[in-house]
Amino acid sequence: MRGPTIWDRLLGLNLFSAKIILLILLLAIIYDLPYLMDIAIVYTLLGFIGIIFISRFVKGKGEI
C-alpha cells in the first residue's frame, strides 16, 4: 500500500482487494453459503471499475 509512486499504491490496493475476494470465496465454500459467491462477484466488478477510474483520474492529472 505504500510505494514511491501512485501506481505502486494502486497495485497494492488491487492486491489487497484480491485477497479479500479470495477470503470471501473461501468462506463461501467452507460454510456452504452460495450468496457469498454473488457478493464476491459484485465486489470484484466494483474493485475493477474503481481501479480503472482511479487510474484514468491519475493519468489525467486530476481531471475527470
N, C-alpha and C. Protein backbone atom coordinates (compact mmCIF):
# COMPACT_ATOMS: atom_id res chain seq x y z
N MET A 1 0.82 -1.20 0.00
CA MET A 1 0.00 0.00 0.00
C MET A 1 0.86 1.26 0.00
N ARG A 2 2.10 1.14 0.43
CA ARG A 2 2.99 2.30 0.42
C ARG A 2 4.04 2.10 -0.65
N GLY A 3 4.21 3.10 -1.44
CA GLY A 3 5.20 2.99 -2.50
C GLY A 3 5.66 4.36 -2.93
N PRO A 4 6.69 4.39 -3.72
CA PRO A 4 7.19 5.69 -4.15
C PRO A 4 6.26 6.40 -5.14
N THR A 5 5.44 5.64 -5.86
CA THR A 5 4.54 6.28 -6.84
C THR A 5 3.10 5.87 -6.56
N ILE A 6 2.19 6.61 -7.17
CA ILE A 6 0.77 6.31 -7.02
C ILE A 6 0.44 4.97 -7.68
N TRP A 7 1.19 4.58 -8.71
CA TRP A 7 0.93 3.32 -9.39
C TRP A 7 1.24 2.13 -8.48
N ASP A 8 2.27 2.28 -7.64
CA ASP A 8 2.57 1.22 -6.67
C ASP A 8 1.45 1.10 -5.65
N ARG A 9 0.88 2.21 -5.26
CA ARG A 9 -0.23 2.19 -4.31
C ARG A 9 -1.47 1.57 -4.92
N LEU A 10 -1.72 1.85 -6.19
CA LEU A 10 -2.86 1.24 -6.87
C LEU A 10 -2.68 -0.27 -6.99
N LEU A 11 -1.46 -0.70 -7.27
CA LEU A 11 -1.19 -2.13 -7.35
C LEU A 11 -1.39 -2.79 -5.99
N GLY A 12 -0.95 -2.12 -4.92
CA GLY A 12 -1.17 -2.64 -3.57
C GLY A 12 -2.64 -2.73 -3.23
N LEU A 13 -3.42 -1.72 -3.62
CA LEU A 13 -4.85 -1.74 -3.39
C LEU A 13 -5.52 -2.88 -4.15
N ASN A 14 -5.06 -3.11 -5.36
CA ASN A 14 -5.61 -4.20 -6.18
C ASN A 14 -5.29 -5.56 -5.55
N LEU A 15 -4.07 -5.73 -5.05
CA LEU A 15 -3.71 -7.00 -4.40
C LEU A 15 -4.49 -7.21 -3.11
N PHE A 16 -4.69 -6.15 -2.35
CA PHE A 16 -5.49 -6.24 -1.12
C PHE A 16 -6.92 -6.64 -1.45
N SER A 17 -7.46 -6.05 -2.50
CA SER A 17 -8.82 -6.38 -2.93
C SER A 17 -8.91 -7.85 -3.36
N ALA A 18 -7.90 -8.34 -4.05
CA ALA A 18 -7.90 -9.74 -4.48
C ALA A 18 -7.86 -10.69 -3.27
N LYS A 19 -7.13 -10.32 -2.23
CA LYS A 19 -7.08 -11.16 -1.03
C LYS A 19 -8.42 -11.18 -0.31
N ILE A 20 -9.11 -10.06 -0.28
CA ILE A 20 -10.44 -10.00 0.34
C ILE A 20 -11.42 -10.87 -0.44
N ILE A 21 -11.35 -10.81 -1.76
CA ILE A 21 -12.23 -11.63 -2.60
C ILE A 21 -11.95 -13.11 -2.37
N LEU A 22 -10.69 -13.47 -2.29
CA LEU A 22 -10.32 -14.86 -2.03
C LEU A 22 -10.85 -15.31 -0.67
N LEU A 23 -10.76 -14.47 0.33
CA LEU A 23 -11.27 -14.80 1.65
C LEU A 23 -12.79 -15.02 1.62
N ILE A 24 -13.51 -14.16 0.91
CA ILE A 24 -14.95 -14.31 0.80
C ILE A 24 -15.30 -15.62 0.09
N LEU A 25 -14.57 -15.94 -0.97
CA LEU A 25 -14.84 -17.19 -1.69
C LEU A 25 -14.53 -18.41 -0.83
N LEU A 26 -13.44 -18.37 -0.07
CA LEU A 26 -13.13 -19.48 0.82
C LEU A 26 -14.20 -19.67 1.88
N LEU A 27 -14.70 -18.57 2.44
CA LEU A 27 -15.78 -18.67 3.42
C LEU A 27 -17.04 -19.24 2.79
N ALA A 28 -17.32 -18.86 1.54
CA ALA A 28 -18.49 -19.38 0.85
C ALA A 28 -18.38 -20.88 0.65
N ILE A 29 -17.19 -21.36 0.32
CA ILE A 29 -17.00 -22.78 0.10
C ILE A 29 -17.02 -23.56 1.41
N ILE A 30 -16.34 -23.05 2.41
CA ILE A 30 -16.25 -23.76 3.70
C ILE A 30 -17.60 -23.87 4.39
N TYR A 31 -18.34 -22.76 4.43
CA TYR A 31 -19.61 -22.75 5.16
C TYR A 31 -20.82 -23.03 4.26
N ASP A 32 -20.56 -23.34 2.99
CA ASP A 32 -21.63 -23.66 2.02
C ASP A 32 -22.69 -22.56 1.97
N LEU A 33 -22.22 -21.33 1.71
CA LEU A 33 -23.09 -20.16 1.60
C LEU A 33 -22.98 -19.60 0.19
N PRO A 34 -23.87 -20.02 -0.70
CA PRO A 34 -23.74 -19.60 -2.11
C PRO A 34 -23.93 -18.10 -2.34
N TYR A 35 -24.64 -17.42 -1.45
CA TYR A 35 -24.85 -15.99 -1.67
C TYR A 35 -23.54 -15.21 -1.49
N LEU A 36 -22.57 -15.76 -0.78
CA LEU A 36 -21.29 -15.08 -0.65
C LEU A 36 -20.53 -15.06 -1.97
N MET A 37 -20.79 -16.03 -2.83
CA MET A 37 -20.15 -16.01 -4.15
C MET A 37 -20.68 -14.84 -4.98
N ASP A 38 -21.97 -14.55 -4.85
CA ASP A 38 -22.53 -13.40 -5.54
C ASP A 38 -21.91 -12.10 -5.02
N ILE A 39 -21.72 -12.03 -3.73
CA ILE A 39 -21.10 -10.85 -3.13
C ILE A 39 -19.67 -10.70 -3.64
N ALA A 40 -18.95 -11.81 -3.75
CA ALA A 40 -17.57 -11.77 -4.25
C ALA A 40 -17.53 -11.28 -5.70
N ILE A 41 -18.49 -11.72 -6.51
CA ILE A 41 -18.53 -11.28 -7.91
C ILE A 41 -18.79 -9.78 -8.00
N VAL A 42 -19.73 -9.29 -7.21
CA VAL A 42 -20.04 -7.86 -7.21
C VAL A 42 -18.84 -7.06 -6.71
N TYR A 43 -18.19 -7.54 -5.67
CA TYR A 43 -17.02 -6.86 -5.13
C TYR A 43 -15.89 -6.84 -6.15
N THR A 44 -15.74 -7.92 -6.90
CA THR A 44 -14.71 -7.97 -7.95
C THR A 44 -14.98 -6.93 -9.03
N LEU A 45 -16.22 -6.86 -9.48
CA LEU A 45 -16.57 -5.89 -10.52
C LEU A 45 -16.40 -4.45 -10.03
N LEU A 46 -16.83 -4.18 -8.80
CA LEU A 46 -16.67 -2.83 -8.26
C LEU A 46 -15.20 -2.47 -8.08
N GLY A 47 -14.41 -3.43 -7.65
CA GLY A 47 -12.98 -3.18 -7.50
C GLY A 47 -12.30 -2.90 -8.83
N PHE A 48 -12.67 -3.66 -9.85
CA PHE A 48 -12.10 -3.46 -11.17
C PHE A 48 -12.48 -2.09 -11.73
N ILE A 49 -13.74 -1.75 -11.63
CA ILE A 49 -14.19 -0.45 -12.13
C ILE A 49 -13.55 0.69 -11.34
N GLY A 50 -13.41 0.50 -10.03
CA GLY A 50 -12.77 1.53 -9.21
C GLY A 50 -11.32 1.75 -9.59
N ILE A 51 -10.58 0.68 -9.82
CA ILE A 51 -9.18 0.79 -10.23
C ILE A 51 -9.07 1.49 -11.58
N ILE A 52 -9.96 1.16 -12.50
CA ILE A 52 -9.95 1.81 -13.82
C ILE A 52 -10.19 3.31 -13.68
N PHE A 53 -11.20 3.70 -12.89
CA PHE A 53 -11.49 5.12 -12.72
C PHE A 53 -10.37 5.86 -12.01
N ILE A 54 -9.79 5.26 -11.01
CA ILE A 54 -8.69 5.92 -10.30
C ILE A 54 -7.48 6.06 -11.23
N SER A 55 -7.20 5.04 -12.02
CA SER A 55 -6.08 5.10 -12.97
C SER A 55 -6.28 6.21 -13.99
N ARG A 56 -7.48 6.31 -14.52
CA ARG A 56 -7.76 7.36 -15.51
C ARG A 56 -7.69 8.74 -14.87
N PHE A 57 -8.12 8.84 -13.61
CA PHE A 57 -8.08 10.11 -12.90
C PHE A 57 -6.62 10.54 -12.68
N VAL A 58 -5.79 9.61 -12.28
CA VAL A 58 -4.37 9.93 -12.03
C VAL A 58 -3.67 10.23 -13.34
N LYS A 59 -3.95 9.46 -14.37
CA LYS A 59 -3.32 9.67 -15.66
C LYS A 59 -3.70 11.04 -16.24
N GLY A 60 -4.94 11.46 -16.01
CA GLY A 60 -5.40 12.75 -16.48
C GLY A 60 -5.02 13.90 -15.58
N LYS A 61 -4.20 13.64 -14.57
CA LYS A 61 -3.71 14.65 -13.63
C LYS A 61 -4.83 15.36 -12.90
N GLY A 62 -5.83 14.59 -12.48
CA GLY A 62 -6.88 15.14 -11.65
C GLY A 62 -8.12 15.58 -12.38
N GLU A 63 -8.13 15.50 -13.71
CA GLU A 63 -9.30 15.88 -14.47
C GLU A 63 -10.21 14.68 -14.63
N ILE A 64 -11.49 14.89 -14.41
CA ILE A 64 -12.45 13.80 -14.54
C ILE A 64 -12.89 13.64 -15.97
